[in-house]
C-alpha atoms as a PDB file:
ATOM      1  CA  MET A   1     159.045 329.062 -10.450  1.00  0.00           C
ATOM      2  CA  VAL A   2     161.172 331.590 -12.246  1.00  0.00           C
ATOM      3  CA  SER A   3     163.952 332.241  -9.774  1.00  0.00           C
ATOM      4  CA  LEU A   4     166.022 330.608  -7.113  1.00  0.00           C
ATOM      5  CA  ARG A   5     163.982 332.572  -4.566  1.00  0.00           C
ATOM      6  CA  CYS A   6     160.825 330.870  -5.860  1.00  0.00           C
ATOM      7  CA  LYS A   7     162.554 327.504  -5.660  1.00  0.00           C
ATOM      8  CA  ASN A   8     163.480 328.144  -2.021  1.00  0.00           C
ATOM      9  CA  LEU A   9     159.940 329.309  -1.298  1.00  0.00           C
ATOM     10  CA  VAL A  10     158.512 326.053  -2.690  1.00  0.00           C
ATOM     11  CA  ILE A  11     160.960 324.050  -0.571  1.00  0.00           C
ATOM     12  CA  ALA A  12     159.883 326.011   2.520  1.00  0.00           C
ATOM     13  CA  LYS A  13     156.171 325.399   1.775  1.00  0.00           C
ATOM     14  CA  LEU A  14     156.749 321.677   1.228  1.00  0.00           C
ATOM     15  CA  ASP A  15     158.752 321.475   4.454  1.00  0.00           C
ATOM     16  CA  LYS A  16     156.068 323.412   6.338  1.00  0.00           C
ATOM     17  CA  LEU A  17     153.460 320.860   5.264  1.00  0.00           C
ATOM     18  CA  SER A  18     155.871 317.937   5.840  1.00  0.00           C
ATOM     19  CA  ILE A  19     155.588 316.900   2.200  1.00  0.00           C
ATOM     20  CA  PRO A  20     158.609 314.865   1.116  1.00  0.00           C
ATOM     21  CA  TYR A  21     160.254 315.612  -2.219  1.00  0.00           C
ATOM     22  CA  ASN A  22     163.035 314.059  -4.275  1.00  0.00           C
ATOM     23  CA  TYR A  23     164.276 317.289  -5.794  1.00  0.00           C
ATOM     24  CA  ILE A  24     163.125 320.766  -6.775  1.00  0.00           C
ATOM     25  CA  GLU A  25     164.115 322.537  -9.992  1.00  0.00           C
ATOM     26  CA  LEU A  26     162.987 325.853 -11.369  1.00  0.00           C
ATOM     27  CA  GLY A  27     159.388 325.177 -12.323  1.00  0.00           C
ATOM     28  CA  TYR A  28     159.318 321.546 -11.222  1.00  0.00           C
ATOM     29  CA  ALA A  29     158.968 319.592  -8.004  1.00  0.00           C
ATOM     30  CA  ASP A  30     159.520 315.831  -8.033  1.00  0.00           C
ATOM     31  CA  LEU A  31     157.533 314.203  -5.246  1.00  0.00           C
ATOM     32  CA  PRO A  32     157.921 310.520  -4.331  1.00  0.00           C
ATOM     33  CA  GLY A  33     154.186 309.894  -4.615  1.00  0.00           C
ATOM     34  CA  GLU A  34     150.762 311.384  -5.235  1.00  0.00           C
ATOM     35  CA  LEU A  35     149.304 313.844  -2.738  1.00  0.00           C
ATOM     36  CA  ASP A  36     145.825 313.232  -1.397  1.00  0.00           C
ATOM     37  CA  ASP A  37     143.228 315.879  -2.292  1.00  0.00           C
ATOM     38  CA  PHE A  38     143.358 317.562   1.132  1.00  0.00           C
ATOM     39  CA  LEU A  39     147.156 317.920   1.147  1.00  0.00           C
ATOM     40  CA  LEU A  40     147.135 319.065  -2.477  1.00  0.00           C
ATOM     41  CA  LEU A  41     144.590 321.755  -1.586  1.00  0.00           C
ATOM     42  CA  LYS A  42     146.685 322.872   1.405  1.00  0.00           C
ATOM     43  CA  LEU A  43     149.825 323.057  -0.738  1.00  0.00           C
ATOM     44  CA  ASN A  44     148.028 324.961  -3.471  1.00  0.00           C
ATOM     45  CA  THR A  45     146.688 327.438  -0.878  1.00  0.00           C
ATOM     46  CA  GLU A  46     150.180 327.909   0.588  1.00  0.00           C
ATOM     47  CA  LEU A  47     151.692 328.475  -2.838  1.00  0.00           C
ATOM     48  CA  LYS A  48     148.941 330.866  -3.941  1.00  0.00           C
ATOM     49  CA  SER A  49     149.510 332.967  -0.815  1.00  0.00           C
ATOM     50  CA  ALA A  50     153.068 333.421  -2.112  1.00  0.00           C
ATOM     51  CA  GLY A  51     151.967 334.190  -5.685  1.00  0.00           C
ATOM     52  CA  LEU A  52     152.740 330.717  -7.053  1.00  0.00           C
ATOM     53  CA  GLU A  53     150.509 327.944  -8.323  1.00  0.00           C
ATOM     54  CA  ILE A  54     150.490 324.260  -9.123  1.00  0.00           C
ATOM     55  CA  LEU A  55     150.241 323.567 -12.813  1.00  0.00           C
ATOM     56  CA  ASP A  56     148.485 320.415 -13.869  1.00  0.00           C
ATOM     57  CA  ASP A  57     147.728 321.348 -17.466  1.00  0.00           C
ATOM     58  CA  HIS A  58     150.137 319.450 -19.732  1.00  0.00           C
ATOM     59  CA  ASN A  59     150.629 322.402 -22.102  1.00  0.00           C
ATOM     60  CA  ALA A  60     151.142 324.877 -19.260  1.00  0.00           C
ATOM     61  CA  ILE A  61     153.812 322.604 -17.812  1.00  0.00           C
ATOM     62  CA  PHE A  62     155.709 322.563 -21.125  1.00  0.00           C
ATOM     63  CA  ILE A  63     155.444 326.353 -21.377  1.00  0.00           C
ATOM     64  CA  GLU A  64     156.872 326.731 -17.863  1.00  0.00           C
ATOM     65  CA  LYS A  65     159.660 324.293 -18.659  1.00  0.00           C
ATOM     66  CA  ILE A  66     160.596 326.257 -21.786  1.00  0.00           C
ATOM     67  CA  LYS A  67     160.520 329.529 -19.856  1.00  0.00           C
ATOM     68  CA  ASN A  68     162.633 328.061 -17.068  1.00  0.00           C
ATOM     69  CA  ILE A  69     165.215 326.661 -19.497  1.00  0.00           C
ATOM     70  CA  ILE A  70     165.602 330.119 -21.014  1.00  0.00           C
ATOM     71  CA  ILE A  71     165.637 331.939 -17.668  1.00  0.00           C
ATOM     72  CA  GLU A  72     168.219 329.549 -16.261  1.00  0.00           C
ATOM     73  CA  LEU A  73     170.314 329.806 -19.414  1.00  0.00           C
ATOM     74  CA  VAL A  74     170.282 333.610 -19.546  1.00  0.00           C
ATOM     75  CA  HIS A  75     170.298 334.574 -15.877  1.00  0.00           C
ATOM     76  CA  TYR A  76     172.211 331.797 -14.147  1.00  0.00           C
ATOM     77  CA  ASP A  77     174.526 330.067 -16.635  1.00  0.00           C
ATOM     78  CA  GLU A  78     177.263 332.312 -18.018  1.00  0.00           C
ATOM     79  CA  THR A  79     179.635 329.427 -18.713  1.00  0.00           C
ATOM     80  CA  SER A  80     178.147 327.308 -21.479  1.00  0.00           C
ATOM     81  CA  PRO A  81     178.226 328.713 -25.008  1.00  0.00           C
ATOM     82  CA  LEU A  82     174.928 328.220 -26.773  1.00  0.00           C
ATOM     83  CA  VAL A  83     175.211 327.028 -30.343  1.00  0.00           C
ATOM     84  CA  ASN A  84     171.547 326.777 -31.258  1.00  0.00           C
ATOM     85  CA  LEU A  85     168.655 327.636 -28.937  1.00  0.00           C
ATOM     86  CA  SER A  86     166.141 325.442 -30.758  1.00  0.00           C
ATOM     87  CA  ASP A  87     168.410 322.377 -30.545  1.00  0.00           C
ATOM     88  CA  TYR A  88     169.187 323.118 -26.902  1.00  0.00           C
ATOM     89  CA  ILE A  89     165.518 323.368 -25.861  1.00  0.00           C
ATOM     90  CA  SER A  90     164.478 320.401 -27.983  1.00  0.00           C
ATOM     91  CA  GLU A  91     167.249 318.267 -26.475  1.00  0.00           C
ATOM     92  CA  LYS A  92     166.444 319.362 -22.898  1.00  0.00           C
ATOM     93  CA  LEU A  93     162.750 318.478 -23.274  1.00  0.00           C
ATOM     94  CA  GLY A  94     163.092 315.564 -25.686  1.00  0.00           C
ATOM     95  CA  LEU A  95     160.491 317.021 -28.035  1.00  0.00           C
ATOM     96  CA  ASP A  96     160.431 318.468 -31.538  1.00  0.00           C
ATOM     97  CA  TYR A  97     161.202 322.208 -31.511  1.00  0.00           C
ATOM     98  CA  GLY A  98     158.488 322.899 -34.105  1.00  0.00           C
ATOM     99  CA  TYR A  99     155.870 321.485 -31.750  1.00  0.00           C
ATOM    100  CA  LEU A 100     157.289 323.420 -28.775  1.00  0.00           C
ATOM    101  CA  THR A 101     157.499 326.749 -30.592  1.00  0.00           C
ATOM    102  CA  ASN A 102     153.962 326.432 -31.967  1.00  0.00           C
ATOM    103  CA  LEU A 103     152.640 325.595 -28.501  1.00  0.00           C
ATOM    104  CA  PHE A 104     154.588 328.434 -26.870  1.00  0.00           C
ATOM    105  CA  THR A 105     153.452 331.003 -29.438  1.00  0.00           C
ATOM    106  CA  LYS A 106     149.841 329.844 -29.211  1.00  0.00           C
ATOM    107  CA  VAL A 107     149.743 330.061 -25.411  1.00  0.00           C
ATOM    108  CA  LYS A 108     152.066 333.018 -24.710  1.00  0.00           C
ATOM    109  CA  GLY A 109     151.388 335.131 -27.808  1.00  0.00           C
ATOM    110  CA  GLU A 110     155.105 335.495 -28.533  1.00  0.00           C
ATOM    111  CA  THR A 111     157.758 333.238 -29.984  1.00  0.00           C
ATOM    112  CA  ILE A 112     160.336 331.377 -27.921  1.00  0.00           C
ATOM    113  CA  GLN A 113     163.008 333.424 -29.693  1.00  0.00           C
ATOM    114  CA  HIS A 114     161.347 336.705 -28.701  1.00  0.00           C
ATOM    115  CA  PHE A 115     161.036 335.543 -25.081  1.00  0.00           C
ATOM    116  CA  TYR A 116     164.728 334.587 -25.161  1.00  0.00           C
ATOM    117  CA  ILE A 117     165.812 337.924 -26.636  1.00  0.00           C
ATOM    118  CA  ASN A 118     163.772 339.858 -24.058  1.00  0.00           C
ATOM    119  CA  HIS A 119     165.507 337.980 -21.244  1.00  0.00           C
ATOM    120  CA  LYS A 120     168.918 338.559 -22.796  1.00  0.00           C
ATOM    121  CA  ILE A 121     168.197 342.289 -22.945  1.00  0.00           C
ATOM    122  CA  GLU A 122     166.959 342.300 -19.323  1.00  0.00           C
ATOM    123  CA  LYS A 123     170.199 340.595 -18.288  1.00  0.00           C
ATOM    124  CA  ALA A 124     172.186 343.137 -20.323  1.00  0.00           C
ATOM    125  CA  LYS A 125     170.337 345.990 -18.593  1.00  0.00           C
ATOM    126  CA  GLU A 126     171.202 344.416 -15.248  1.00  0.00           C
ATOM    127  CA  PHE A 127     174.897 344.238 -16.186  1.00  0.00           C
ATOM    128  CA  ILE A 128     174.829 347.846 -17.388  1.00  0.00           C
ATOM    129  CA  PHE A 129     172.933 349.073 -14.342  1.00  0.00           C
ATOM    130  CA  TYR A 130     175.386 347.518 -11.917  1.00  0.00           C
ATOM    131  CA  ASP A 131     178.329 348.470 -14.156  1.00  0.00           C
ATOM    132  CA  GLU A 132     179.673 344.921 -13.894  1.00  0.00           C
ATOM    133  CA  LYS A 133     180.894 344.391 -17.454  1.00  0.00           C
ATOM    134  CA  SER A 134     181.898 346.304 -20.553  1.00  0.00           C
ATOM    135  CA  LEU A 135     179.460 346.273 -23.476  1.00  0.00           C
ATOM    136  CA  THR A 136     181.803 343.936 -25.360  1.00  0.00           C
ATOM    137  CA  GLU A 137     181.884 341.531 -22.406  1.00  0.00           C
ATOM    138  CA  ILE A 138     178.089 341.680 -22.108  1.00  0.00           C
ATOM    139  CA  ALA A 139     177.672 340.883 -25.810  1.00  0.00           C
ATOM    140  CA  ASP A 140     180.055 337.955 -25.443  1.00  0.00           C
ATOM    141  CA  ILE A 141     178.438 336.568 -22.269  1.00  0.00           C
ATOM    142  CA  LEU A 142     174.986 336.757 -23.859  1.00  0.00           C
ATOM    143  CA  HIS A 143     176.212 334.932 -26.980  1.00  0.00           C
ATOM    144  CA  TYR A 144     175.875 337.749 -29.498  1.00  0.00           C
ATOM    145  CA  SER A 145     177.943 337.334 -32.646  1.00  0.00           C
ATOM    146  CA  SER A 146     179.131 340.949 -32.417  1.00  0.00           C
ATOM    147  CA  ILE A 147     178.783 344.125 -30.394  1.00  0.00           C
ATOM    148  CA  ALA A 148     176.856 345.621 -33.347  1.00  0.00           C
ATOM    149  CA  HIS A 149     174.294 342.784 -33.261  1.00  0.00           C
ATOM    150  CA  PHE A 150     173.928 343.210 -29.495  1.00  0.00           C
ATOM    151  CA  SER A 151     173.526 346.991 -29.809  1.00  0.00           C
ATOM    152  CA  ASN A 152     170.934 346.682 -32.585  1.00  0.00           C
ATOM    153  CA  GLN A 153     168.862 344.181 -30.627  1.00  0.00           C
ATOM    154  CA  PHE A 154     169.150 346.217 -27.431  1.00  0.00           C
ATOM    155  CA  LYS A 155     167.956 349.359 -29.225  1.00  0.00           C
ATOM    156  CA  LYS A 156     165.124 347.467 -30.937  1.00  0.00           C
ATOM    157  CA  ILE A 157     163.810 346.245 -27.557  1.00  0.00           C
ATOM    158  CA  THR A 158     164.503 349.278 -25.336  1.00  0.00           C
ATOM    159  CA  GLY A 159     164.403 352.142 -27.840  1.00  0.00           C
ATOM    160  CA  VAL A 160     167.934 353.276 -26.937  1.00  0.00           C
ATOM    161  CA  SER A 161     171.416 351.919 -27.561  1.00  0.00           C
ATOM    162  CA  PRO A 162     173.335 350.265 -24.721  1.00  0.00           C
ATOM    163  CA  SER A 163     175.719 353.235 -24.499  1.00  0.00           C
ATOM    164  CA  VAL A 164     172.808 355.697 -24.245  1.00  0.00           C
ATOM    165  CA  PHE A 165     171.198 353.463 -21.610  1.00  0.00           C
ATOM    166  CA  LYS A 166     174.473 353.519 -19.673  1.00  0.00           C
ATOM    167  CA  LYS A 167     174.667 357.340 -19.911  1.00  0.00           C
ATOM    168  CA  MET A 168     171.052 357.624 -18.716  1.00  0.00           C
ATOM    169  CA  LYS A 169     171.927 355.452 -15.714  1.00  0.00           C
ATOM    170  CA  ILE A 170     174.913 357.667 -14.886  1.00  0.00           C
ATOM    171  CA  GLU A 171     172.801 360.830 -15.244  1.00  0.00           C
ATOM    172  CA  ARG A 172     170.098 359.416 -12.933  1.00  0.00           C
ATOM    173  CA  LYS A 173     172.722 358.473 -10.360  1.00  0.00           C
ATOM    174  CA  THR A 174     174.263 361.969 -10.562  1.00  0.00           C
ATOM    175  CA  ASN A 175     170.856 363.625 -10.208  1.00  0.00           C
ATOM    176  CA  ILE A 176     170.044 361.511  -7.135  1.00  0.00           C
ATOM    177  CA  GLU A 177     173.404 362.302  -5.558  1.00  0.00           C
ATOM    178  CA  ASN A 178     172.838 366.030  -6.125  1.00  0.00           C
ATOM    179  CA  LEU A 179     169.496 366.041  -4.297  1.00  0.00           C
END
């Protein structure tokens, strides 16, 4: 599960099958007991029809947990300042960051840091697109040390600076309005 919409979809599927649950988080469902094979198959079929799946591989579960921590941090939690991503993830999962980053890189083919940066840039693009914040505010919300650092990372990922991206958005909007 990578969004609140996915979380709500899982809740709806569990309710549809009358499967009790203690709580649902992004990427995790805590059930009060084991499901029998038939009910597990039905749930898996329901979830697959919605583009989701049950993970039972230990490594895949850790990867999803890492991804969900980052997604939740970047897309849904603008309030808590992040001092150190590696400490934050390690503390949340109770595991050594070296182990987690090696596992993540091995399975996903990119580092945790790169995944994190990509999500920060996607969130920045969202802010710019909807013209919700100034570039300075965006840099601050996304925990960049400076507007220059934010701009450099944005350009490295997207190929254009945030201000050019903003101008492109305005030009597209103007072109659409003139049609």
